[in-house]
Amino acid sequence: MTFEELDHTYPNAFDDAELTSLTLNYEHRTARIELSVRGNPPDSPNSDEYKRAVLLLNEFYYFVIEPPDREHLWYPQRSMQVDGYPEDAKQFPLFNDLKPKLTEHAFCCRFYVHDWNAFIHMAADNAQFSFAQGGAQGNKV
């Protein structure tokens, strides 16, 4: 499943999500991203209810964290507010060169980090998304 398919399954989840933890393991090529997301449909009465979730990238190709701009360098927050988007070569020009080397159904996305005014770009062979403790069933993407 691609990022677009995940975003379609949970259409509210990656808008104003909170990134709370990030762990990269270069030896095993995994990335664990812990988030608080809105897991209910946008038309649900509980559409603004946040749930803890984990996005696990397996066999990642790249993970690029852009530096914050000067105006946002010392912005004090405990978590980072992000919006998830499909990858875009206009925002990440190197993507044009990398995309042909990725598998056909690779998971590619970018998170806009509001607190930094910058992006986090990532691509992996596959990913798993799940809600933490008692949330909805996880989906392999």
N, C-alpha and C. Protein backbone atom coordinates (compact mmCIF):
# COMPACT_ATOMS: atom_id res chain seq x y z
N MET A 1 0.84 -1.18 0.00
CA MET A 1 0.00 0.00 0.00
C MET A 1 0.89 1.25 0.00
N THR A 2 0.48 2.26 -0.68
CA THR A 2 1.22 3.50 -0.77
C THR A 2 0.75 4.49 0.30
N PHE A 3 1.45 5.60 0.42
CA PHE A 3 1.00 6.64 1.35
C PHE A 3 -0.39 7.13 0.96
N GLU A 4 -0.63 7.27 -0.34
CA GLU A 4 -1.94 7.74 -0.80
C GLU A 4 -3.05 6.80 -0.35
N GLU A 5 -2.81 5.50 -0.41
CA GLU A 5 -3.82 4.53 0.02
C GLU A 5 -4.02 4.59 1.54
N LEU A 6 -2.94 4.77 2.28
CA LEU A 6 -3.06 4.93 3.73
C LEU A 6 -3.85 6.19 4.06
N ASP A 7 -3.54 7.27 3.38
CA ASP A 7 -4.23 8.54 3.60
C ASP A 7 -5.72 8.42 3.24
N HIS A 8 -6.03 7.60 2.23
CA HIS A 8 -7.43 7.37 1.86
C HIS A 8 -8.15 6.55 2.94
N THR A 9 -7.45 5.58 3.54
CA THR A 9 -8.04 4.75 4.59
C THR A 9 -8.32 5.58 5.84
N TYR A 10 -7.42 6.47 6.17
CA TYR A 10 -7.56 7.35 7.35
C TYR A 10 -7.43 8.79 6.88
N PRO A 11 -8.49 9.34 6.25
CA PRO A 11 -8.38 10.65 5.59
C PRO A 11 -8.11 11.83 6.51
N ASN A 12 -8.32 11.69 7.78
CA ASN A 12 -8.13 12.78 8.73
C ASN A 12 -6.81 12.64 9.50
N ALA A 13 -6.19 11.49 9.41
CA ALA A 13 -5.10 11.13 10.33
C ALA A 13 -3.86 12.00 10.20
N PHE A 14 -3.45 12.32 9.00
CA PHE A 14 -2.17 13.00 8.83
C PHE A 14 -2.29 14.51 8.67
N ASP A 15 -3.46 15.05 9.00
CA ASP A 15 -3.64 16.50 9.06
C ASP A 15 -3.49 16.92 10.52
N ASP A 16 -2.53 17.78 10.78
CA ASP A 16 -2.26 18.27 12.14
C ASP A 16 -1.95 17.13 13.11
N ALA A 17 -1.24 16.13 12.64
CA ALA A 17 -0.79 15.04 13.51
C ALA A 17 0.34 15.57 14.39
N GLU A 18 0.61 14.87 15.47
CA GLU A 18 1.72 15.24 16.35
C GLU A 18 2.75 14.13 16.31
N LEU A 19 3.94 14.46 15.87
CA LEU A 19 5.05 13.52 15.86
C LEU A 19 5.68 13.56 17.25
N THR A 20 5.65 12.44 17.96
CA THR A 20 6.14 12.42 19.34
C THR A 20 7.48 11.72 19.49
N SER A 21 7.80 10.80 18.56
CA SER A 21 9.05 10.05 18.68
C SER A 21 9.47 9.53 17.31
N LEU A 22 10.78 9.47 17.11
CA LEU A 22 11.33 8.96 15.86
C LEU A 22 12.58 8.16 16.18
N THR A 23 12.62 6.91 15.70
CA THR A 23 13.79 6.06 15.90
C THR A 23 14.19 5.49 14.55
N LEU A 24 15.46 5.72 14.17
CA LEU A 24 15.99 5.17 12.93
C LEU A 24 17.00 4.09 13.27
N ASN A 25 16.90 2.95 12.59
CA ASN A 25 17.86 1.87 12.75
C ASN A 25 18.46 1.61 11.37
N TYR A 26 19.65 2.15 11.17
CA TYR A 26 20.28 2.02 9.86
C TYR A 26 20.75 0.60 9.57
N GLU A 27 21.13 -0.15 10.58
CA GLU A 27 21.57 -1.52 10.37
C GLU A 27 20.44 -2.38 9.79
N HIS A 28 19.23 -2.22 10.33
CA HIS A 28 18.09 -3.01 9.88
C HIS A 28 17.20 -2.26 8.89
N ARG A 29 17.58 -1.01 8.61
CA ARG A 29 16.85 -0.15 7.69
C ARG A 29 15.37 -0.03 8.07
N THR A 30 15.14 0.28 9.35
CA THR A 30 13.78 0.50 9.83
C THR A 30 13.68 1.90 10.45
N ALA A 31 12.49 2.43 10.39
CA ALA A 31 12.19 3.70 11.04
C ALA A 31 10.88 3.52 11.80
N ARG A 32 10.87 3.91 13.04
CA ARG A 32 9.66 3.85 13.87
C ARG A 32 9.25 5.28 14.19
N ILE A 33 8.06 5.63 13.74
CA ILE A 33 7.54 6.99 13.92
C ILE A 33 6.30 6.90 14.80
N GLU A 34 6.36 7.50 15.97
CA GLU A 34 5.21 7.51 16.87
C GLU A 34 4.51 8.84 16.71
N LEU A 35 3.18 8.75 16.59
CA LEU A 35 2.36 9.92 16.30
C LEU A 35 1.10 9.91 17.14
N SER A 36 0.50 11.06 17.28
CA SER A 36 -0.89 11.19 17.72
C SER A 36 -1.64 11.68 16.50
N VAL A 37 -2.64 10.90 16.06
CA VAL A 37 -3.36 11.21 14.83
C VAL A 37 -4.86 11.16 15.07
N ARG A 38 -5.58 11.76 14.17
CA ARG A 38 -7.04 11.67 14.19
C ARG A 38 -7.42 10.44 13.38
N GLY A 39 -7.89 9.40 14.04
CA GLY A 39 -8.18 8.13 13.39
C GLY A 39 -9.61 7.94 12.97
N ASN A 40 -10.49 8.90 13.28
CA ASN A 40 -11.89 8.77 12.91
C ASN A 40 -12.17 9.49 11.59
N PRO A 41 -13.17 9.05 10.83
CA PRO A 41 -13.50 9.72 9.57
C PRO A 41 -13.83 11.20 9.78
N PRO A 42 -13.54 12.04 8.78
CA PRO A 42 -13.78 13.48 8.92
C PRO A 42 -15.24 13.84 9.23
N ASP A 43 -16.20 13.01 8.79
CA ASP A 43 -17.62 13.30 9.04
C ASP A 43 -18.13 12.70 10.35
N SER A 44 -17.24 12.07 11.11
CA SER A 44 -17.61 11.46 12.39
C SER A 44 -17.78 12.54 13.46
N PRO A 45 -18.69 12.32 14.43
CA PRO A 45 -18.82 13.29 15.53
C PRO A 45 -17.53 13.40 16.35
N ASN A 46 -16.70 12.35 16.31
CA ASN A 46 -15.43 12.35 17.04
C ASN A 46 -14.24 12.55 16.11
N SER A 47 -14.41 13.33 15.06
CA SER A 47 -13.37 13.49 14.05
C SER A 47 -12.10 14.15 14.59
N ASP A 48 -12.22 14.92 15.66
CA ASP A 48 -11.05 15.61 16.21
C ASP A 48 -10.42 14.86 17.39
N GLU A 49 -10.85 13.62 17.62
CA GLU A 49 -10.27 12.81 18.69
C GLU A 49 -8.95 12.21 18.22
N TYR A 50 -7.90 12.47 18.99
CA TYR A 50 -6.57 11.97 18.65
C TYR A 50 -6.32 10.61 19.29
N LYS A 51 -5.59 9.77 18.55
CA LYS A 51 -5.20 8.44 19.02
C LYS A 51 -3.71 8.28 18.79
N ARG A 52 -3.07 7.53 19.68
CA ARG A 52 -1.65 7.24 19.50
C ARG A 52 -1.51 6.17 18.42
N ALA A 53 -0.52 6.36 17.55
CA ALA A 53 -0.31 5.44 16.44
C ALA A 53 1.18 5.28 16.18
N VAL A 54 1.52 4.21 15.46
CA VAL A 54 2.91 3.94 15.08
C VAL A 54 2.95 3.68 13.58
N LEU A 55 3.87 4.34 12.91
CA LEU A 55 4.16 4.08 11.52
C LEU A 55 5.56 3.48 11.49
N LEU A 56 5.63 2.21 11.06
CA LEU A 56 6.90 1.50 11.01
C LEU A 56 7.29 1.31 9.55
N LEU A 57 8.42 1.89 9.17
CA LEU A 57 8.93 1.74 7.81
C LEU A 57 9.94 0.61 7.79
N ASN A 58 9.77 -0.31 6.87
CA ASN A 58 10.68 -1.45 6.73
C ASN A 58 11.46 -1.32 5.43
N GLU A 59 12.76 -1.64 5.51
CA GLU A 59 13.62 -1.55 4.33
C GLU A 59 13.57 -0.15 3.74
N PHE A 60 13.80 0.87 4.59
CA PHE A 60 13.70 2.22 4.06
C PHE A 60 14.85 2.52 3.10
N TYR A 61 14.51 3.29 2.08
CA TYR A 61 15.49 3.71 1.07
C TYR A 61 16.22 4.97 1.52
N TYR A 62 15.45 5.92 2.03
CA TYR A 62 16.04 7.17 2.53
C TYR A 62 15.13 7.76 3.60
N PHE A 63 15.73 8.58 4.41
CA PHE A 63 15.02 9.32 5.45
C PHE A 63 15.75 10.64 5.59
N VAL A 64 15.18 11.71 5.08
CA VAL A 64 15.84 13.01 5.01
C VAL A 64 15.10 14.01 5.88
N ILE A 65 15.80 14.58 6.82
CA ILE A 65 15.21 15.59 7.71
C ILE A 65 15.82 16.94 7.35
N GLU A 66 15.00 17.83 6.82
CA GLU A 66 15.49 19.17 6.49
C GLU A 66 15.68 19.96 7.78
N PRO A 67 16.66 20.85 7.82
CA PRO A 67 16.84 21.67 9.02
C PRO A 67 15.74 22.72 9.11
N PRO A 68 15.44 23.17 10.33
CA PRO A 68 14.44 24.23 10.48
C PRO A 68 14.97 25.54 9.90
N ASP A 69 14.05 26.40 9.50
CA ASP A 69 14.52 27.71 9.07
C ASP A 69 14.92 28.53 10.30
N ARG A 70 15.66 29.60 10.07
CA ARG A 70 16.21 30.40 11.19
C ARG A 70 15.16 30.91 12.14
N GLU A 71 13.99 31.27 11.63
CA GLU A 71 12.94 31.83 12.46
C GLU A 71 12.30 30.79 13.39
N HIS A 72 12.51 29.51 13.10
CA HIS A 72 11.87 28.45 13.87
C HIS A 72 12.86 27.59 14.66
N LEU A 73 14.12 27.97 14.67
CA LEU A 73 15.15 27.13 15.26
C LEU A 73 14.91 26.81 16.74
N TRP A 74 14.44 27.76 17.51
CA TRP A 74 14.27 27.54 18.95
C TRP A 74 12.81 27.50 19.36
N TYR A 75 11.95 27.10 18.48
CA TYR A 75 10.52 27.04 18.77
C TYR A 75 10.25 25.98 19.83
N PRO A 76 9.80 26.37 21.02
CA PRO A 76 9.66 25.40 22.13
C PRO A 76 8.37 24.58 22.05
N GLN A 77 8.51 23.29 21.78
CA GLN A 77 7.37 22.37 21.75
C GLN A 77 7.82 21.03 22.31
N ARG A 78 6.87 20.28 22.89
CA ARG A 78 7.17 18.93 23.37
C ARG A 78 7.00 17.91 22.26
N SER A 79 6.11 18.17 21.34
CA SER A 79 5.94 17.32 20.17
C SER A 79 5.88 18.25 18.96
N MET A 80 5.98 17.67 17.78
CA MET A 80 5.98 18.48 16.57
C MET A 80 4.69 18.25 15.80
N GLN A 81 4.05 19.33 15.38
CA GLN A 81 2.86 19.22 14.56
C GLN A 81 3.29 19.03 13.11
N VAL A 82 2.72 17.99 12.47
CA VAL A 82 3.07 17.67 11.09
C VAL A 82 1.81 17.43 10.25
N ASP A 83 1.97 17.63 8.97
CA ASP A 83 0.96 17.24 7.98
C ASP A 83 1.64 16.28 7.02
N GLY A 84 0.99 15.15 6.74
CA GLY A 84 1.55 14.17 5.83
C GLY A 84 1.05 14.35 4.41
N TYR A 85 1.95 14.23 3.45
CA TYR A 85 1.64 14.39 2.03
C TYR A 85 2.37 13.32 1.22
N PRO A 86 1.87 13.02 0.01
CA PRO A 86 2.66 12.19 -0.89
C PRO A 86 3.94 12.96 -1.25
N GLU A 87 4.98 12.24 -1.59
CA GLU A 87 6.23 12.91 -1.97
C GLU A 87 6.01 13.74 -3.23
N ASP A 88 6.74 14.83 -3.36
CA ASP A 88 6.57 15.76 -4.46
C ASP A 88 7.95 16.24 -4.91
N ALA A 89 8.26 16.01 -6.17
CA ALA A 89 9.57 16.40 -6.70
C ALA A 89 9.78 17.92 -6.67
N LYS A 90 8.71 18.70 -6.61
CA LYS A 90 8.87 20.17 -6.51
C LYS A 90 9.44 20.54 -5.14
N GLN A 91 9.03 19.82 -4.10
CA GLN A 91 9.52 20.07 -2.74
C GLN A 91 10.83 19.36 -2.47
N PHE A 92 11.07 18.25 -3.17
CA PHE A 92 12.26 17.42 -2.96
C PHE A 92 12.80 17.02 -4.33
N PRO A 93 13.53 17.91 -5.00
CA PRO A 93 13.96 17.68 -6.38
C PRO A 93 14.72 16.36 -6.59
N LEU A 94 15.44 15.89 -5.61
CA LEU A 94 16.17 14.63 -5.74
C LEU A 94 15.23 13.44 -5.99
N PHE A 95 13.97 13.60 -5.65
CA PHE A 95 13.00 12.51 -5.82
C PHE A 95 12.91 12.05 -7.28
N ASN A 96 13.04 12.97 -8.23
CA ASN A 96 13.01 12.58 -9.65
C ASN A 96 14.08 11.56 -9.97
N ASP A 97 15.26 11.70 -9.37
CA ASP A 97 16.35 10.76 -9.60
C ASP A 97 16.17 9.46 -8.82
N LEU A 98 15.57 9.54 -7.64
CA LEU A 98 15.43 8.37 -6.78
C LEU A 98 14.24 7.48 -7.16
N LYS A 99 13.16 8.08 -7.58
CA LYS A 99 11.92 7.33 -7.82
C LYS A 99 12.10 6.13 -8.75
N PRO A 100 12.84 6.23 -9.87
CA PRO A 100 12.99 5.05 -10.74
C PRO A 100 13.70 3.88 -10.07
N LYS A 101 14.42 4.13 -8.99
CA LYS A 101 15.16 3.06 -8.31
C LYS A 101 14.33 2.39 -7.21
N LEU A 102 13.16 2.95 -6.89
CA LEU A 102 12.29 2.41 -5.85
C LEU A 102 11.40 1.33 -6.45
N THR A 103 10.91 0.43 -5.58
CA THR A 103 9.96 -0.57 -6.06
C THR A 103 8.65 0.12 -6.48
N GLU A 104 7.89 -0.56 -7.29
CA GLU A 104 6.67 0.02 -7.85
C GLU A 104 5.69 0.51 -6.79
N HIS A 105 5.56 -0.23 -5.69
CA HIS A 105 4.59 0.13 -4.65
C HIS A 105 5.27 0.64 -3.39
N ALA A 106 6.39 1.30 -3.55
CA ALA A 106 7.12 1.83 -2.39
C ALA A 106 6.27 2.87 -1.66
N PHE A 107 6.47 2.91 -0.35
CA PHE A 107 5.81 3.89 0.50
C PHE A 107 6.66 5.15 0.48
N CYS A 108 6.15 6.22 -0.11
CA CYS A 108 6.89 7.49 -0.21
C CYS A 108 6.00 8.60 0.34
N CYS A 109 6.56 9.40 1.23
CA CYS A 109 5.78 10.52 1.73
C CYS A 109 6.71 11.60 2.28
N ARG A 110 6.09 12.70 2.66
CA ARG A 110 6.82 13.79 3.31
C ARG A 110 5.92 14.35 4.40
N PHE A 111 6.52 14.71 5.48
CA PHE A 111 5.80 15.38 6.57
C PHE A 111 6.26 16.82 6.60
N TYR A 112 5.31 17.74 6.52
CA TYR A 112 5.62 19.15 6.72
C TYR A 112 5.62 19.39 8.22
N VAL A 113 6.74 19.85 8.75
CA VAL A 113 6.86 20.12 10.18
C VAL A 113 6.56 21.60 10.40
N HIS A 114 5.38 21.87 10.96
CA HIS A 114 4.95 23.25 11.19
C HIS A 114 5.95 24.01 12.06
N ASP A 115 6.43 23.35 13.09
CA ASP A 115 7.31 24.02 14.05
C ASP A 115 8.66 24.40 13.46
N TRP A 116 9.05 23.79 12.35
CA TRP A 116 10.34 24.07 11.71
C TRP A 116 10.20 24.81 10.39
N ASN A 117 9.00 24.80 9.81
CA ASN A 117 8.80 25.30 8.46
C ASN A 117 9.73 24.55 7.50
N ALA A 118 9.73 23.22 7.63
CA ALA A 118 10.60 22.35 6.84
C ALA A 118 9.93 20.99 6.70
N PHE A 119 10.55 20.11 5.89
CA PHE A 119 9.98 18.79 5.61
C PHE A 119 10.86 17.66 6.11
N ILE A 120 10.22 16.52 6.34
CA ILE A 120 10.88 15.24 6.53
C ILE A 120 10.43 14.37 5.36
N HIS A 121 11.38 13.87 4.59
CA HIS A 121 11.09 13.05 3.41
C HIS A 121 11.49 11.61 3.70
N MET A 122 10.68 10.65 3.23
CA MET A 122 10.99 9.25 3.49
C MET A 122 10.43 8.35 2.40
N ALA A 123 11.12 7.23 2.20
CA ALA A 123 10.64 6.20 1.28
C ALA A 123 11.11 4.86 1.82
N ALA A 124 10.23 3.86 1.72
CA ALA A 124 10.54 2.52 2.20
C ALA A 124 9.89 1.49 1.29
N ASP A 125 10.43 0.29 1.32
CA ASP A 125 9.86 -0.79 0.53
C ASP A 125 8.44 -1.09 1.00
N ASN A 126 8.21 -1.08 2.31
CA ASN A 126 6.86 -1.27 2.84
C ASN A 126 6.78 -0.62 4.21
N ALA A 127 5.57 -0.52 4.71
CA ALA A 127 5.34 0.12 6.01
C ALA A 127 4.18 -0.56 6.71
N GLN A 128 4.15 -0.40 8.01
CA GLN A 128 3.03 -0.88 8.82
C GLN A 128 2.52 0.29 9.64
N PHE A 129 1.21 0.43 9.69
CA PHE A 129 0.57 1.50 10.46
C PHE A 129 -0.39 0.85 11.44
N SER A 130 -0.32 1.23 12.70
CA SER A 130 -1.25 0.68 13.69
C SER A 130 -1.53 1.70 14.77
N PHE A 131 -2.70 1.55 15.35
CA PHE A 131 -3.06 2.37 16.50
C PHE A 131 -2.57 1.66 17.75
N ALA A 132 -2.12 2.42 18.72
CA ALA A 132 -1.56 1.86 19.96
C ALA A 132 -2.69 1.49 20.91
N GLN A 133 -2.48 0.42 21.67
CA GLN A 133 -3.33 -0.04 22.77
C GLN A 133 -4.81 0.25 22.63
N GLY A 134 -5.52 -0.71 22.11
CA GLY A 134 -6.97 -0.62 22.06
C GLY A 134 -7.51 0.21 20.91
N GLY A 135 -6.62 0.72 20.04
CA GLY A 135 -7.08 1.48 18.87
C GLY A 135 -7.56 0.55 17.78
N ALA A 136 -7.78 1.10 16.62
CA ALA A 136 -8.23 0.31 15.47
C ALA A 136 -7.14 -0.65 15.05
N GLN A 137 -7.51 -1.68 14.32
CA GLN A 137 -6.56 -2.68 13.81
C GLN A 137 -5.53 -1.99 12.92
N GLY A 138 -4.31 -2.47 12.98
CA GLY A 138 -3.24 -1.92 12.14
C GLY A 138 -3.37 -2.40 10.71
N ASN A 139 -2.83 -1.64 9.81
CA ASN A 139 -2.83 -1.99 8.40
C ASN A 139 -1.41 -2.02 7.88
N LYS A 140 -1.07 -3.06 7.13
CA LYS A 140 0.22 -3.09 6.47
C LYS A 140 0.10 -2.27 5.20
N VAL A 141 1.05 -1.37 5.01
CA VAL A 141 1.01 -0.51 3.83
C VAL A 141 2.27 -0.66 3.03
